[in-house]
Amino acid sequence: VMERGGMSGAVFNAAKEIALDGFIEGRLQFPQMAEVVEEVLECLIPDTSLIDANMTLDNVAQVDHLARQTAKAVIKKRAG
């Protein structure tokens, strides 16, 4: 995330928060939180137009929303 820069920090933070919610709610085990974050990063970071977008409040909010939705989908997929 630090090497990639751009919006990758917003993706990481949003995914981490959703993974933590999943852990607190009992849908994830502790080690699975990192796996969810990693999967979200792997999914979204290759989209350079997304990650390299201008740092505006609207763009950060859009990336945050997309990362949260992606993390929720990853958790749901893991639940079977």
Protein backbone atom coordinates (compact mmCIF):
# COMPACT_ATOMS: atom_id res chain seq x y z
CA VAL A 1 0.00 0.00 0.00
CA MET A 2 2.77 2.44 0.88
CA GLU A 3 4.68 1.62 -2.30
CA ARG A 4 1.59 1.88 -4.48
CA GLY A 5 0.37 5.16 -2.99
CA GLY A 6 -2.59 6.99 -4.44
CA MET A 7 -5.95 5.75 -3.28
CA SER A 8 -4.60 2.40 -2.11
CA GLY A 9 -4.62 3.66 1.49
CA ALA A 10 -8.33 4.39 1.23
CA VAL A 11 -8.93 0.89 -0.16
CA PHE A 12 -6.89 -0.66 2.66
CA ASN A 13 -8.66 1.32 5.38
CA ALA A 14 -12.16 0.61 4.11
CA ALA A 15 -11.47 -3.11 3.69
CA LYS A 16 -9.90 -3.28 7.15
CA GLU A 17 -12.93 -1.68 8.76
CA ILE A 18 -15.36 -4.06 7.06
CA ALA A 19 -13.17 -7.06 7.94
CA LEU A 20 -13.11 -5.94 11.57
CA ASP A 21 -16.91 -5.67 11.54
CA GLY A 22 -17.04 -9.22 10.18
CA PHE A 23 -14.78 -10.42 12.99
CA ILE A 24 -16.80 -8.64 15.68
CA GLU A 25 -20.02 -10.08 14.25
CA GLY A 26 -18.51 -13.58 14.28
CA ARG A 27 -18.47 -14.02 10.51
CA LEU A 28 -14.66 -14.08 10.31
CA GLN A 29 -11.92 -15.53 12.44
CA PHE A 30 -9.11 -13.18 13.44
CA PRO A 31 -6.58 -14.35 10.79
CA GLN A 32 -9.22 -14.09 8.07
CA MET A 33 -9.37 -10.32 8.48
CA ALA A 34 -5.97 -9.93 6.80
CA GLU A 35 -7.02 -12.34 4.05
CA VAL A 36 -10.11 -10.24 3.29
CA VAL A 37 -8.07 -7.04 3.14
CA GLU A 38 -5.51 -8.68 0.89
CA GLU A 39 -8.18 -10.00 -1.48
CA VAL A 40 -9.81 -6.56 -1.73
CA LEU A 41 -6.45 -4.94 -2.45
CA GLU A 42 -5.64 -7.56 -5.11
CA CYS A 43 -9.01 -6.95 -6.71
CA LEU A 44 -8.95 -3.14 -6.76
CA ILE A 45 -5.30 -2.08 -6.87
CA PRO A 46 -4.72 -3.27 -10.47
CA ASP A 47 -7.34 -0.73 -11.61
CA THR A 48 -4.89 2.13 -12.08
CA SER A 49 -7.62 4.54 -13.12
CA LEU A 50 -9.24 3.96 -9.74
CA ILE A 51 -6.10 4.06 -7.60
CA ASP A 52 -4.40 6.93 -9.44
CA ALA A 53 -7.50 9.16 -9.52
CA ASN A 54 -7.14 12.72 -8.31
CA MET A 55 -7.32 13.03 -4.53
CA THR A 56 -10.63 14.78 -4.21
CA LEU A 57 -13.15 14.18 -1.46
CA ASP A 58 -15.61 12.76 -3.99
CA ASN A 59 -13.03 10.34 -5.41
CA VAL A 60 -11.93 9.18 -1.97
CA ALA A 61 -15.58 8.61 -1.00
CA GLN A 62 -16.20 6.61 -4.19
CA VAL A 63 -13.11 4.45 -3.66
CA ASP A 64 -14.05 3.95 0.00
CA HIS A 65 -17.56 2.85 -0.99
CA LEU A 66 -16.29 0.47 -3.68
CA ALA A 67 -13.74 -1.09 -1.29
CA ARG A 68 -16.40 -1.57 1.40
CA GLN A 69 -18.78 -3.22 -1.07
CA THR A 70 -15.97 -5.44 -2.34
CA ALA A 71 -15.01 -6.45 1.21
CA LYS A 72 -18.62 -7.31 2.02
CA ALA A 73 -18.79 -9.46 -1.11
CA VAL A 74 -15.54 -11.23 -0.17
CA ILE A 75 -16.87 -11.97 3.32
CA LYS A 76 -20.17 -13.22 1.92
CA LYS A 77 -18.33 -15.47 -0.56
CA ARG A 78 -16.23 -16.92 2.26
CA ALA A 79 -19.37 -17.66 4.30
CA GLY A 80 -20.49 -19.88 1.47
